[in-house]
Structure formats: structure tokens, C-alpha cells
Amino acid sequence: MPSRRALVAFSAVLATTAPSSGRAASWPDRPVRWIVGFPPGGAPDLLTRILARRLEPEIGQTVVVENRPGAAGNLAASVLARAAPDGLTFGTLFAATLAVNRHVYPNLPFDPRRDFTLISEFARFPSAVMVHPSVPASSVAELGAWMKAQGTPPICATPGAGVIPHLATEMLLQRLGTRCELVHYRGNPDALRDLAAGRAQVMVDAFPTALPLVRDGRARAVAVTSAGRSPLMPALPAVAETLPGFETASWLAVGGPAGVPEAITARMGAAVIAAARDPDTAQRFAALGAEAIGSTREELTTRAAAEDERWGELVRARGITAE
């Protein structure tokens, strides 16, 4: 559980929504803009678009997804934080946006604890630890031994500095007692492309985007970062089977700028919960290796506070910075 101080900091977002107004009665009266901080084809984009299509009949308007990649989601988060709190602009807030980046980026242009109206966590998914097929490792133990034996540290690709796969990589290196040259990309597609081409040797990446590469043989998965094995790849061991207690997951949430009227926040929250908990949504998420959630605002606030504490400790221990 998060400390009282952390929970109070994040709970402030529940108390800063503007009073309800007459506009809420007709909300939404035009298409809703939805900002995503990673490029098309990445896990956040794929899962957001599935949710957005299912959300449209719930709110009676089109949801227009707008990709704003860059700086581990910070660019999109900055745009969202500055948007008018009229209930017509929302965005996908990543675990990194809410719980990591303030520890990694010293000059973050927004405060994740105050600048957003939290709505609902809608997806959660583990990562796969992968290697290029030329790497002679089929397990976490073999990967650690191979990395230690290299005269030059191998290249580890990440989808961006500060995202959960990056921190999962840092945690893995810490637990294995080895090192690599970390190369941060502007999203999953470019990083995966370099792994498949052999320009990177190791990558921890979200299941929804890692699985296609593994299934067609362009990468080899050696483990999954969830506490147990994934039903999508039951033969793939969990990292925790070699390194007890190892567990990481990425998660996605819906948020708006601070000050969205309470009535709109409540209606959007109910719509997201209905869309995320729909059996078809759950099935489509599961096919990508993700779990559909549909949390309350209070549950999301508690989760963000707990993750903020956890990842802050790792960032400080590893001396991680994006600058």
C-alpha cells in the first residue's frame, strides 16, 4: 500500500474537479479528442483504439485518437495537461506518466499528481524479455551468463526512457548483476525493428507488441515479467521463477486535464468502466496479452500512488535519469 503522504498527493486530483455545470447535461455534444503519447502500432495505441471504438456507443460521439509520440509520453501528457477542462479532451495516461517520469525527468513540464483528472485504469499487461535469435540464451539464467561474458556490453533497446519496460530492464540488470548499453527509442516499433535486425541484442517489451515478433521467429522470448506464466505462452517461464519476487506490469489509464466538471468525470468514468468490462473488449485485449480492467477513480489513485513509491525507489537506487 502507498504511504499516507503519497496517497494524499494523488488524492488531490479527486478534490480539484470543477463544480458541475449546465454543459454536463448535454455532454458530449461533439467528437471527443483522445491523445496517445506513442506512435501507431505500439501497445498503448492498439489498446486505446480498441477501447475508443467500444466507448463510442457509450457516450454517443466519435472518439478521435491523436498520436503525439515523444519523451516517454511526456509530450502528449503536456498537451493534455494544457487542454481546456471541458470534457472534450482526454488521453491515455501511462504508468510512466503517473508514477515514473517525475523521478526520471528533472524538468517535467507537468505535475502528474495535480495536473490531471484521473478517470479509470483500463488495461494492464506484462512484458516479455526477448533476445535476438543470434544470442545463445533461452532462459534468464543463460541470458545473465551470456551478458557477463561479453567484452563489450550488449545493446538493450527500450521503447523510451522511463517507461515500464525500461525500468523492468533496469530491474533485471540489477538482479542479474550485469550491464548493457541502453538505447532508448521513440516507441515500440523502431526498437523492435532494431532488435529484429540484430542492431540490438536484448529488449524487454510489452506483450501486445512483443508477441508478433516472437511468433514469427524474429526474436526469442526467454521470460515474462508477470508473477506467473501467461496463458498466451504457457511454456514461457516467468522471470520470478529464476529471480523470486520479480514482477512488473505496464498499465494504461484514462485521464483528462485537471478541472473537468464532476458530472462529466462521473459519466466518462462509468462509460470507460462499461467499455473496458465488456466481454468483447476483454477478449480482444486478452488476444494481445493484456487484461481489461475498468477501475474506479479511487482505485486508480491508490495504484498510481503505490507505483510512484515503488519506481521512485528503483530510479534513485539505479541513478536513472533521462538527461
C-alpha atoms as a PDB file:
ATOM      1  CA  MET A   1       0.000   0.000   0.000  1.00  0.00           C
ATOM      2  CA  PRO A   2       1.221   3.542  -0.680  1.00  0.00           C
ATOM      3  CA  SER A   3       2.204   5.753   2.224  1.00  0.00           C
ATOM      4  CA  ARG A   4      -0.283   8.299   3.536  1.00  0.00           C
ATOM      5  CA  ARG A   5       1.806  11.147   2.061  1.00  0.00           C
ATOM      6  CA  ALA A   6       1.816   9.594  -1.424  1.00  0.00           C
ATOM      7  CA  LEU A   7      -1.885   8.843  -1.307  1.00  0.00           C
ATOM      8  CA  VAL A   8      -2.718  12.377  -0.181  1.00  0.00           C
ATOM      9  CA  ALA A   9      -0.661  13.810  -3.070  1.00  0.00           C
ATOM     10  CA  PHE A  10      -2.524  11.753  -5.659  1.00  0.00           C
ATOM     11  CA  SER A  11      -5.892  12.085  -3.946  1.00  0.00           C
ATOM     12  CA  ALA A  12      -5.727  15.829  -4.588  1.00  0.00           C
ATOM     13  CA  VAL A  13      -6.883  15.120  -8.142  1.00  0.00           C
ATOM     14  CA  LEU A  14     -10.160  13.817  -6.766  1.00  0.00           C
ATOM     15  CA  ALA A  15     -10.825  17.071  -4.981  1.00  0.00           C
ATOM     16  CA  THR A  16      -9.909  19.544  -7.706  1.00  0.00           C
ATOM     17  CA  THR A  17     -12.529  18.821 -10.328  1.00  0.00           C
ATOM     18  CA  ALA A  18     -14.641  21.865 -11.109  1.00  0.00           C
ATOM     19  CA  PRO A  19     -18.257  22.037  -9.985  1.00  0.00           C
ATOM     20  CA  SER A  20     -20.861  20.546 -12.286  1.00  0.00           C
ATOM     21  CA  SER A  21     -22.230  22.919 -14.894  1.00  0.00           C
ATOM     22  CA  GLY A  22     -25.052  23.031 -17.360  1.00  0.00           C
ATOM     23  CA  ARG A  23     -22.709  21.817 -20.078  1.00  0.00           C
ATOM     24  CA  ALA A  24     -22.566  18.390 -18.434  1.00  0.00           C
ATOM     25  CA  ALA A  25     -26.234  17.739 -19.231  1.00  0.00           C
ATOM     26  CA  SER A  26     -25.557  17.696 -22.982  1.00  0.00           C
ATOM     27  CA  TRP A  27     -22.067  16.194 -22.801  1.00  0.00           C
ATOM     28  CA  PRO A  28     -20.595  15.303 -25.190  1.00  0.00           C
ATOM     29  CA  ASP A  29     -22.109  17.470 -27.903  1.00  0.00           C
ATOM     30  CA  ARG A  30     -19.256  16.925 -30.376  1.00  0.00           C
ATOM     31  CA  PRO A  31     -16.478  14.367 -31.077  1.00  0.00           C
ATOM     32  CA  VAL A  32     -14.100  13.664 -28.215  1.00  0.00           C
ATOM     33  CA  ARG A  33     -10.353  14.095 -28.737  1.00  0.00           C
ATOM     34  CA  TRP A  34      -8.145  11.351 -27.277  1.00  0.00           C
ATOM     35  CA  ILE A  35      -4.378  11.906 -27.061  1.00  0.00           C
ATOM     36  CA  VAL A  36      -1.928   8.976 -27.064  1.00  0.00           C
ATOM     37  CA  GLY A  37       1.756   9.535 -26.343  1.00  0.00           C
ATOM     38  CA  PHE A  38       3.165   6.743 -28.511  1.00  0.00           C
ATOM     39  CA  PRO A  39       3.130   6.107 -32.267  1.00  0.00           C
ATOM     40  CA  PRO A  40       0.549   3.994 -34.096  1.00  0.00           C
ATOM     41  CA  GLY A  41       1.131   0.266 -33.729  1.00  0.00           C
ATOM     42  CA  GLY A  42       2.503   0.358 -30.195  1.00  0.00           C
ATOM     43  CA  ALA A  43       0.728  -1.356 -27.296  1.00  0.00           C
ATOM     44  CA  PRO A  44      -0.799   1.869 -25.891  1.00  0.00           C
ATOM     45  CA  ASP A  45      -2.127   2.813 -29.329  1.00  0.00           C
ATOM     46  CA  LEU A  46      -3.579  -0.631 -30.101  1.00  0.00           C
ATOM     47  CA  LEU A  47      -5.352  -0.966 -26.758  1.00  0.00           C
ATOM     48  CA  THR A  48      -6.570   2.647 -26.765  1.00  0.00           C
ATOM     49  CA  ARG A  49      -8.154   2.242 -30.190  1.00  0.00           C
ATOM     50  CA  ILE A  50      -9.982  -0.929 -29.127  1.00  0.00           C
ATOM     51  CA  LEU A  51     -11.348   0.867 -26.062  1.00  0.00           C
ATOM     52  CA  ALA A  52     -12.190   4.021 -28.034  1.00  0.00           C
ATOM     53  CA  ARG A  53     -14.325   2.124 -30.557  1.00  0.00           C
ATOM     54  CA  ARG A  54     -16.230   0.384 -27.760  1.00  0.00           C
ATOM     55  CA  LEU A  55     -16.591   3.693 -25.886  1.00  0.00           C
ATOM     56  CA  GLU A  56     -18.314   5.496 -28.752  1.00  0.00           C
ATOM     57  CA  PRO A  57     -21.769   3.909 -28.292  1.00  0.00           C
ATOM     58  CA  GLU A  58     -21.486   4.533 -24.537  1.00  0.00           C
ATOM     59  CA  ILE A  59     -21.052   8.309 -24.953  1.00  0.00           C
ATOM     60  CA  GLY A  60     -22.878   8.755 -28.276  1.00  0.00           C
ATOM     61  CA  GLN A  61     -19.989  10.504 -30.028  1.00  0.00           C
ATOM     62  CA  THR A  62     -16.960   9.672 -32.156  1.00  0.00           C
ATOM     63  CA  VAL A  63     -13.640   9.352 -30.318  1.00  0.00           C
ATOM     64  CA  VAL A  64     -10.779  10.765 -32.410  1.00  0.00           C
ATOM     65  CA  VAL A  65      -7.431   9.230 -31.419  1.00  0.00           C
ATOM     66  CA  GLU A  66      -4.478  11.579 -31.890  1.00  0.00           C
ATOM     67  CA  ASN A  67      -0.918  10.207 -31.624  1.00  0.00           C
ATOM     68  CA  ARG A  68       1.622  12.581 -30.046  1.00  0.00           C
ATOM     69  CA  PRO A  69       4.753  10.446 -29.522  1.00  0.00           C
ATOM     70  CA  GLY A  70       7.871  11.663 -27.758  1.00  0.00           C
ATOM     71  CA  ALA A  71       9.718  11.780 -24.423  1.00  0.00           C
ATOM     72  CA  ALA A  72       8.161   8.615 -22.948  1.00  0.00           C
ATOM     73  CA  GLY A  73       4.662  10.070 -23.204  1.00  0.00           C
ATOM     74  CA  ASN A  74       5.600  13.442 -21.716  1.00  0.00           C
ATOM     75  CA  LEU A  75       4.806  15.405 -24.882  1.00  0.00           C
ATOM     76  CA  ALA A  76       1.263  14.057 -25.020  1.00  0.00           C
ATOM     77  CA  ALA A  77       0.832  14.479 -21.267  1.00  0.00           C
ATOM     78  CA  SER A  78       1.865  18.131 -21.538  1.00  0.00           C
ATOM     79  CA  VAL A  79      -0.710  18.694 -24.293  1.00  0.00           C
ATOM     80  CA  LEU A  80      -3.371  17.008 -22.192  1.00  0.00           C
ATOM     81  CA  ALA A  81      -2.484  18.993 -19.070  1.00  0.00           C
ATOM     82  CA  ARG A  82      -2.880  22.276 -21.000  1.00  0.00           C
ATOM     83  CA  ALA A  83      -6.187  21.333 -22.664  1.00  0.00           C
ATOM     84  CA  ALA A  84      -9.433  23.025 -21.720  1.00  0.00           C
ATOM     85  CA  PRO A  85     -11.193  21.049 -18.947  1.00  0.00           C
ATOM     86  CA  ASP A  86     -14.454  20.926 -20.892  1.00  0.00           C
ATOM     87  CA  GLY A  87     -14.728  17.148 -21.115  1.00  0.00           C
ATOM     88  CA  LEU A  88     -13.891  17.084 -24.817  1.00  0.00           C
ATOM     89  CA  THR A  89     -10.204  16.166 -24.483  1.00  0.00           C
ATOM     90  CA  PHE A  90      -8.984  13.029 -22.745  1.00  0.00           C
ATOM     91  CA  GLY A  91      -5.868  10.948 -23.085  1.00  0.00           C
ATOM     92  CA  THR A  92      -4.175   7.672 -22.320  1.00  0.00           C
ATOM     93  CA  LEU A  93      -2.055   8.139 -19.219  1.00  0.00           C
ATOM     94  CA  PHE A  94       0.686   5.544 -18.873  1.00  0.00           C
ATOM     95  CA  ALA A  95       2.126   4.045 -15.730  1.00  0.00           C
ATOM     96  CA  ALA A  96       5.274   6.011 -16.577  1.00  0.00           C
ATOM     97  CA  THR A  97       3.333   9.284 -16.885  1.00  0.00           C
ATOM     98  CA  LEU A  98       1.715   8.964 -13.486  1.00  0.00           C
ATOM     99  CA  ALA A  99       4.324   7.055 -11.482  1.00  0.00           C
ATOM    100  CA  VAL A 100       7.794   7.215 -13.063  1.00  0.00           C
ATOM    101  CA  ASN A 101       8.600  10.284 -15.115  1.00  0.00           C
ATOM    102  CA  ARG A 102       8.641  12.830 -12.311  1.00  0.00           C
ATOM    103  CA  HIS A 103      11.533  10.819 -10.828  1.00  0.00           C
ATOM    104  CA  VAL A 104      13.382  10.471 -14.162  1.00  0.00           C
ATOM    105  CA  TYR A 105      12.878  13.870 -15.825  1.00  0.00           C
ATOM    106  CA  PRO A 106      14.134  16.739 -13.611  1.00  0.00           C
ATOM    107  CA  ASN A 107      12.280  19.419 -15.606  1.00  0.00           C
ATOM    108  CA  LEU A 108       8.962  17.720 -16.203  1.00  0.00           C
ATOM    109  CA  PRO A 109       6.519  20.304 -17.649  1.00  0.00           C
ATOM    110  CA  PHE A 110       3.570  18.975 -15.652  1.00  0.00           C
ATOM    111  CA  ASP A 111       2.872  17.544 -12.208  1.00  0.00           C
ATOM    112  CA  PRO A 112       1.245  14.107 -12.504  1.00  0.00           C
ATOM    113  CA  ARG A 113      -0.199  14.426  -9.005  1.00  0.00           C
ATOM    114  CA  ARG A 114      -2.067  17.699  -9.687  1.00  0.00           C
ATOM    115  CA  ASP A 115      -2.448  18.366 -13.412  1.00  0.00           C
ATOM    116  CA  PHE A 116      -4.835  15.571 -14.426  1.00  0.00           C
ATOM    117  CA  THR A 117      -8.346  14.399 -13.701  1.00  0.00           C
ATOM    118  CA  LEU A 118      -7.975  10.653 -13.230  1.00  0.00           C
ATOM    119  CA  ILE A 119     -10.813   8.591 -14.684  1.00  0.00           C
ATOM    120  CA  SER A 120     -10.108   4.838 -14.816  1.00  0.00           C
ATOM    121  CA  GLU A 121      -7.352   2.281 -15.381  1.00  0.00           C
ATOM    122  CA  PHE A 122      -8.415   0.316 -18.445  1.00  0.00           C
ATOM    123  CA  ALA A 123      -5.593  -2.097 -19.321  1.00  0.00           C
ATOM    124  CA  ARG A 124      -2.694  -3.924 -17.702  1.00  0.00           C
ATOM    125  CA  PHE A 125      -0.093  -6.152 -19.315  1.00  0.00           C
ATOM    126  CA  PRO A 126       3.283  -7.749 -18.584  1.00  0.00           C
ATOM    127  CA  SER A 127       6.400  -7.546 -20.710  1.00  0.00           C
ATOM    128  CA  ALA A 128       8.441 -10.213 -22.454  1.00  0.00           C
ATOM    129  CA  VAL A 129      12.210 -10.455 -22.039  1.00  0.00           C
ATOM    130  CA  MET A 130      13.478 -11.044 -25.567  1.00  0.00           C
ATOM    131  CA  VAL A 131      16.762 -11.603 -27.363  1.00  0.00           C
ATOM    132  CA  HIS A 132      17.797 -11.576 -30.996  1.00  0.00           C
ATOM    133  CA  PRO A 133      17.897 -15.161 -32.332  1.00  0.00           C
ATOM    134  CA  SER A 134      21.708 -14.940 -32.603  1.00  0.00           C
ATOM    135  CA  VAL A 135      22.010 -14.634 -28.800  1.00  0.00           C
ATOM    136  CA  PRO A 136      22.694 -18.118 -27.325  1.00  0.00           C
ATOM    137  CA  ALA A 137      20.284 -17.785 -24.420  1.00  0.00           C
ATOM    138  CA  SER A 138      16.943 -19.469 -23.811  1.00  0.00           C
ATOM    139  CA  SER A 139      16.452 -18.615 -20.140  1.00  0.00           C
ATOM    140  CA  VAL A 140      17.031 -15.745 -17.745  1.00  0.00           C
ATOM    141  CA  ALA A 141      19.987 -17.549 -16.189  1.00  0.00           C
ATOM    142  CA  GLU A 142      21.595 -18.152 -19.596  1.00  0.00           C
ATOM    143  CA  LEU A 143      20.959 -14.539 -20.585  1.00  0.00           C
ATOM    144  CA  GLY A 144      22.695 -13.282 -17.445  1.00  0.00           C
ATOM    145  CA  ALA A 145      25.680 -15.561 -18.025  1.00  0.00           C
ATOM    146  CA  TRP A 146      25.959 -14.527 -21.682  1.00  0.00           C
ATOM    147  CA  MET A 147      25.805 -10.821 -20.873  1.00  0.00           C
ATOM    148  CA  LYS A 148      28.521 -11.157 -18.232  1.00  0.00           C
ATOM    149  CA  ALA A 149      30.765 -12.981 -20.708  1.00  0.00           C
ATOM    150  CA  GLN A 150      30.670 -10.206 -23.319  1.00  0.00           C
ATOM    151  CA  GLY A 151      33.745  -7.993 -23.584  1.00  0.00           C
ATOM    152  CA  THR A 152      31.557  -5.151 -24.838  1.00  0.00           C
ATOM    153  CA  PRO A 153      28.194  -4.682 -23.132  1.00  0.00           C
ATOM    154  CA  PRO A 154      25.360  -5.789 -25.435  1.00  0.00           C
ATOM    155  CA  ILE A 155      22.792  -3.263 -26.602  1.00  0.00           C
ATOM    156  CA  CYS A 156      19.451  -3.298 -24.786  1.00  0.00           C
ATOM    157  CA  ALA A 157      16.662  -1.492 -26.634  1.00  0.00           C
ATOM    158  CA  THR A 158      13.785   0.202 -24.796  1.00  0.00           C
ATOM    159  CA  PRO A 159      10.632   1.915 -26.123  1.00  0.00           C
ATOM    160  CA  GLY A 160      11.655   5.105 -24.300  1.00  0.00           C
ATOM    161  CA  ALA A 161      13.424   6.419 -21.220  1.00  0.00           C
ATOM    162  CA  GLY A 162      11.329   5.998 -18.097  1.00  0.00           C
ATOM    163  CA  VAL A 163       8.644   3.685 -19.490  1.00  0.00           C
ATOM    164  CA  ILE A 164       7.911   0.485 -17.580  1.00  0.00           C
ATOM    165  CA  PRO A 165       9.854  -1.787 -20.000  1.00  0.00           C
ATOM    166  CA  HIS A 166      12.898   0.450 -19.420  1.00  0.00           C
ATOM    167  CA  LEU A 167      12.539   0.131 -15.657  1.00  0.00           C
ATOM    168  CA  ALA A 168      11.923  -3.609 -15.985  1.00  0.00           C
ATOM    169  CA  THR A 169      15.221  -3.792 -17.889  1.00  0.00           C
ATOM    170  CA  GLU A 170      16.975  -1.847 -15.135  1.00  0.00           C
ATOM    171  CA  MET A 171      15.472  -4.138 -12.505  1.00  0.00           C
ATOM    172  CA  LEU A 172      16.566  -7.205 -14.464  1.00  0.00           C
ATOM    173  CA  LEU A 173      20.133  -5.897 -14.801  1.00  0.00           C
ATOM    174  CA  GLN A 174      20.168  -5.114 -11.091  1.00  0.00           C
ATOM    175  CA  ARG A 175      19.001  -8.593 -10.120  1.00  0.00           C
ATOM    176  CA  LEU A 176      21.343 -10.348 -12.580  1.00  0.00           C
ATOM    177  CA  GLY A 177      24.325  -8.207 -11.564  1.00  0.00           C
ATOM    178  CA  THR A 178      25.173  -7.379 -15.157  1.00  0.00           C
ATOM    179  CA  ARG A 179      25.042  -4.406 -17.507  1.00  0.00           C
ATOM    180  CA  CYS A 180      24.267  -3.380 -21.064  1.00  0.00           C
ATOM    181  CA  GLU A 181      24.233  -0.300 -23.234  1.00  0.00           C
ATOM    182  CA  LEU A 182      20.715   1.087 -23.021  1.00  0.00           C
ATOM    183  CA  VAL A 183      19.359   2.682 -26.188  1.00  0.00           C
ATOM    184  CA  HIS A 184      16.031   4.496 -25.874  1.00  0.00           C
ATOM    185  CA  TYR A 185      13.703   4.803 -28.874  1.00  0.00           C
ATOM    186  CA  ARG A 186      10.615   6.914 -29.585  1.00  0.00           C
ATOM    187  CA  GLY A 187       8.251   3.965 -29.142  1.00  0.00           C
ATOM    188  CA  ASN A 188       7.957   0.225 -29.649  1.00  0.00           C
ATOM    189  CA  PRO A 189       8.060  -0.078 -33.464  1.00  0.00           C
ATOM    190  CA  ASP A 190      11.559   1.364 -34.009  1.00  0.00           C
ATOM    191  CA  ALA A 191      13.036  -0.507 -31.059  1.00  0.00           C
ATOM    192  CA  LEU A 192      11.517  -3.803 -32.192  1.00  0.00           C
ATOM    193  CA  ARG A 193      12.759  -3.203 -35.717  1.00  0.00           C
ATOM    194  CA  ASP A 194      16.337  -2.876 -34.477  1.00  0.00           C
ATOM    195  CA  LEU A 195      16.014  -5.967 -32.290  1.00  0.00           C
ATOM    196  CA  ALA A 196      14.748  -7.997 -35.251  1.00  0.00           C
ATOM    197  CA  ALA A 197      17.617  -6.673 -37.401  1.00  0.00           C
ATOM    198  CA  GLY A 198      20.221  -7.563 -34.776  1.00  0.00           C
ATOM    199  CA  ARG A 199      21.238  -3.958 -34.131  1.00  0.00           C
ATOM    200  CA  ALA A 200      20.072  -4.567 -30.557  1.00  0.00           C
ATOM    201  CA  GLN A 201      20.537  -7.864 -28.768  1.00  0.00           C
ATOM    202  CA  VAL A 202      18.138  -7.633 -25.815  1.00  0.00           C
ATOM    203  CA  MET A 203      14.784  -5.963 -25.238  1.00  0.00           C
ATOM    204  CA  VAL A 204      12.058  -6.013 -22.619  1.00  0.00           C
ATOM    205  CA  ASP A 205       8.806  -5.002 -24.281  1.00  0.00           C
ATOM    206  CA  ALA A 206       5.079  -5.071 -23.672  1.00  0.00           C
ATOM    207  CA  PHE A 207       3.352  -8.337 -24.549  1.00  0.00           C
ATOM    208  CA  PRO A 208       0.932  -6.789 -27.080  1.00  0.00           C
ATOM    209  CA  THR A 209       3.784  -5.649 -29.323  1.00  0.00           C
ATOM    210  CA  ALA A 210       6.382  -8.298 -28.406  1.00  0.00           C
ATOM    211  CA  LEU A 211       4.298 -11.363 -29.257  1.00  0.00           C
ATOM    212  CA  PRO A 212       4.137 -10.883 -33.062  1.00  0.00           C
ATOM    213  CA  LEU A 213       7.941 -10.645 -33.229  1.00  0.00           C
ATOM    214  CA  VAL A 214       8.342 -13.785 -31.132  1.00  0.00           C
ATOM    215  CA  ARG A 215       5.709 -15.758 -33.005  1.00  0.00           C
ATOM    216  CA  ASP A 216       7.281 -15.160 -36.410  1.00  0.00           C
ATOM    217  CA  GLY A 217      10.767 -16.050 -35.166  1.00  0.00           C
ATOM    218  CA  ARG A 218      12.390 -12.626 -35.400  1.00  0.00           C
ATOM    219  CA  ALA A 219      13.058 -12.649 -31.653  1.00  0.00           C
ATOM    220  CA  ARG A 220      13.237 -15.270 -28.914  1.00  0.00           C
ATOM    221  CA  ALA A 221      11.357 -14.763 -25.663  1.00  0.00           C
ATOM    222  CA  VAL A 222      13.167 -16.064 -22.593  1.00  0.00           C
ATOM    223  CA  ALA A 223      10.730 -14.972 -19.873  1.00  0.00           C
ATOM    224  CA  VAL A 224       7.634 -12.955 -18.963  1.00  0.00           C
ATOM    225  CA  THR A 225       7.680 -10.262 -16.269  1.00  0.00           C
ATOM    226  CA  SER A 226       4.339 -11.147 -14.642  1.00  0.00           C
ATOM    227  CA  ALA A 227       4.339 -13.001 -11.322  1.00  0.00           C
ATOM    228  CA  GLY A 228       3.231 -16.182 -13.090  1.00  0.00           C
ATOM    229  CA  ARG A 229       3.183 -17.531 -16.623  1.00  0.00           C
ATOM    230  CA  SER A 230       0.958 -16.015 -19.294  1.00  0.00           C
ATOM    231  CA  PRO A 231      -1.906 -18.124 -20.702  1.00  0.00           C
ATOM    232  CA  LEU A 232      -0.903 -16.843 -24.145  1.00  0.00           C
ATOM    233  CA  MET A 233       2.513 -18.521 -23.856  1.00  0.00           C
ATOM    234  CA  PRO A 234       2.247 -21.064 -21.013  1.00  0.00           C
ATOM    235  CA  ALA A 235       5.611 -22.627 -21.862  1.00  0.00           C
ATOM    236  CA  LEU A 236       7.386 -19.309 -21.283  1.00  0.00           C
ATOM    237  CA  PRO A 237       8.731 -19.090 -17.712  1.00  0.00           C
ATOM    238  CA  ALA A 238       8.208 -16.064 -15.527  1.00  0.00           C
ATOM    239  CA  VAL A 239      11.346 -14.139 -14.538  1.00  0.00           C
ATOM    240  CA  ALA A 240      10.250 -14.781 -10.945  1.00  0.00           C
ATOM    241  CA  GLU A 241      10.932 -18.497 -11.400  1.00  0.00           C
ATOM    242  CA  THR A 242      14.634 -17.596 -11.576  1.00  0.00           C
ATOM    243  CA  LEU A 243      14.623 -14.319  -9.651  1.00  0.00           C
ATOM    244  CA  PRO A 244      11.999 -14.669  -6.886  1.00  0.00           C
ATOM    245  CA  GLY A 245       9.787 -11.645  -6.345  1.00  0.00           C
ATOM    246  CA  PHE A 246      10.459 -10.122  -9.760  1.00  0.00           C
ATOM    247  CA  GLU A 247       7.249  -8.665 -11.182  1.00  0.00           C
ATOM    248  CA  THR A 248       6.462  -5.691 -13.409  1.00  0.00           C
ATOM    249  CA  ALA A 249       3.432  -4.676 -15.424  1.00  0.00           C
ATOM    250  CA  SER A 250       2.570  -1.758 -17.647  1.00  0.00           C
ATOM    251  CA  TRP A 251      -0.851  -0.181 -17.260  1.00  0.00           C
ATOM    252  CA  LEU A 252      -2.920   2.385 -19.073  1.00  0.00           C
ATOM    253  CA  ALA A 253      -5.466   4.801 -17.689  1.00  0.00           C
ATOM    254  CA  VAL A 254      -7.911   7.384 -18.982  1.00  0.00           C
ATOM    255  CA  GLY A 255      -7.398  10.924 -17.783  1.00  0.00           C
ATOM    256  CA  GLY A 256      -8.282  14.486 -18.617  1.00  0.00           C
ATOM    257  CA  PRO A 257      -6.832  17.869 -17.683  1.00  0.00           C
ATOM    258  CA  ALA A 258      -7.334  18.999 -14.109  1.00  0.00           C
ATOM    259  CA  GLY A 259     -10.697  20.659 -13.513  1.00  0.00           C
ATOM    260  CA  VAL A 260     -13.044  18.538 -15.628  1.00  0.00           C
ATOM    261  CA  PRO A 261     -16.537  19.019 -14.123  1.00  0.00           C
ATOM    262  CA  GLU A 262     -17.506  16.325 -11.658  1.00  0.00           C
ATOM    263  CA  ALA A 263     -20.646  15.337 -13.571  1.00  0.00           C
ATOM    264  CA  ILE A 264     -18.654  14.776 -16.769  1.00  0.00           C
ATOM    265  CA  THR A 265     -15.930  12.931 -14.877  1.00  0.00           C
ATOM    266  CA  ALA A 266     -18.512  10.579 -13.377  1.00  0.00           C
ATOM    267  CA  ARG A 267     -20.227   9.949 -16.716  1.00  0.00           C
ATOM    268  CA  MET A 268     -16.932   9.334 -18.505  1.00  0.00           C
ATOM    269  CA  GLY A 269     -15.827   7.022 -15.718  1.00  0.00           C
ATOM    270  CA  ALA A 270     -18.993   4.970 -15.971  1.00  0.00           C
ATOM    271  CA  ALA A 271     -18.632   4.795 -19.760  1.00  0.00           C
ATOM    272  CA  VAL A 272     -14.998   3.640 -19.578  1.00  0.00           C
ATOM    273  CA  ILE A 273     -15.823   1.009 -16.961  1.00  0.00           C
ATOM    274  CA  ALA A 274     -18.662  -0.321 -19.123  1.00  0.00           C
ATOM    275  CA  ALA A 275     -16.468  -0.365 -22.236  1.00  0.00           C
ATOM    276  CA  ALA A 276     -13.466  -1.975 -20.516  1.00  0.00           C
ATOM    277  CA  ARG A 277     -15.548  -4.640 -18.769  1.00  0.00           C
ATOM    278  CA  ASP A 278     -17.431  -5.586 -21.924  1.00  0.00           C
ATOM    279  CA  PRO A 279     -16.670  -9.261 -22.771  1.00  0.00           C
ATOM    280  CA  ASP A 280     -15.698  -8.373 -26.351  1.00  0.00           C
ATOM    281  CA  THR A 281     -13.187  -5.775 -25.105  1.00  0.00           C
ATOM    282  CA  ALA A 282     -11.769  -8.272 -22.613  1.00  0.00           C
ATOM    283  CA  GLN A 283     -11.428 -10.887 -25.343  1.00  0.00           C
ATOM    284  CA  ARG A 284      -9.681  -8.510 -27.751  1.00  0.00           C
ATOM    285  CA  PHE A 285      -7.342  -7.286 -25.009  1.00  0.00           C
ATOM    286  CA  ALA A 286      -6.547 -10.870 -23.972  1.00  0.00           C
ATOM    287  CA  ALA A 287      -5.635 -11.765 -27.561  1.00  0.00           C
ATOM    288  CA  LEU A 288      -2.941  -9.062 -27.309  1.00  0.00           C
ATOM    289  CA  GLY A 289      -1.702 -10.253 -23.931  1.00  0.00           C
ATOM    290  CA  ALA A 290      -3.442  -7.548 -21.903  1.00  0.00           C
ATOM    291  CA  GLU A 291      -6.019  -7.630 -19.126  1.00  0.00           C
ATOM    292  CA  ALA A 292      -9.038  -5.316 -19.352  1.00  0.00           C
ATOM    293  CA  ILE A 293      -9.526  -3.536 -16.015  1.00  0.00           C
ATOM    294  CA  GLY A 294     -12.157  -0.793 -15.741  1.00  0.00           C
ATOM    295  CA  SER A 295     -11.239   0.582 -12.315  1.00  0.00           C
ATOM    296  CA  THR A 296     -12.851   3.324 -10.259  1.00  0.00           C
ATOM    297  CA  ARG A 297     -11.106   6.689  -9.857  1.00  0.00           C
ATOM    298  CA  GLU A 298     -10.282   5.823  -6.270  1.00  0.00           C
ATOM    299  CA  GLU A 299      -8.675   2.518  -7.265  1.00  0.00           C
ATOM    300  CA  LEU A 300      -6.610   4.273  -9.929  1.00  0.00           C
ATOM    301  CA  THR A 301      -5.476   6.932  -7.456  1.00  0.00           C
ATOM    302  CA  THR A 302      -4.322   4.271  -4.979  1.00  0.00           C
ATOM    303  CA  ARG A 303      -2.478   2.345  -7.679  1.00  0.00           C
ATOM    304  CA  ALA A 304      -0.715   5.451  -9.004  1.00  0.00           C
ATOM    305  CA  ALA A 305       0.470   6.386  -5.510  1.00  0.00           C
ATOM    306  CA  ALA A 306       1.802   2.883  -4.795  1.00  0.00           C
ATOM    307  CA  GLU A 307       3.614   2.677  -8.137  1.00  0.00           C
ATOM    308  CA  ASP A 308       5.065   6.154  -7.650  1.00  0.00           C
ATOM    309  CA  GLU A 309       6.727   4.988  -4.428  1.00  0.00           C
ATOM    310  CA  ARG A 310       7.952   1.712  -5.910  1.00  0.00           C
ATOM    311  CA  TRP A 311       9.521   3.112  -9.056  1.00  0.00           C
ATOM    312  CA  GLY A 312      10.900   6.170  -7.285  1.00  0.00           C
ATOM    313  CA  GLU A 313      12.965   3.844  -5.096  1.00  0.00           C
ATOM    314  CA  LEU A 314      14.365   1.978  -8.142  1.00  0.00           C
ATOM    315  CA  VAL A 315      15.161   5.210 -10.002  1.00  0.00           C
ATOM    316  CA  ARG A 316      17.113   6.533  -7.040  1.00  0.00           C
ATOM    317  CA  ALA A 317      18.911   3.215  -6.449  1.00  0.00           C
ATOM    318  CA  ARG A 318      19.966   2.924 -10.109  1.00  0.00           C
ATOM    319  CA  GLY A 319      20.658   6.622 -10.656  1.00  0.00           C
ATOM    320  CA  ILE A 320      18.322   6.647 -13.640  1.00  0.00           C
ATOM    321  CA  THR A 321      17.870   9.943 -15.454  1.00  0.00           C
ATOM    322  CA  ALA A 322      16.638  10.936 -18.888  1.00  0.00           C
ATOM    323  CA  GLU A 323      19.052  13.858 -19.175  1.00  0.00           C
END
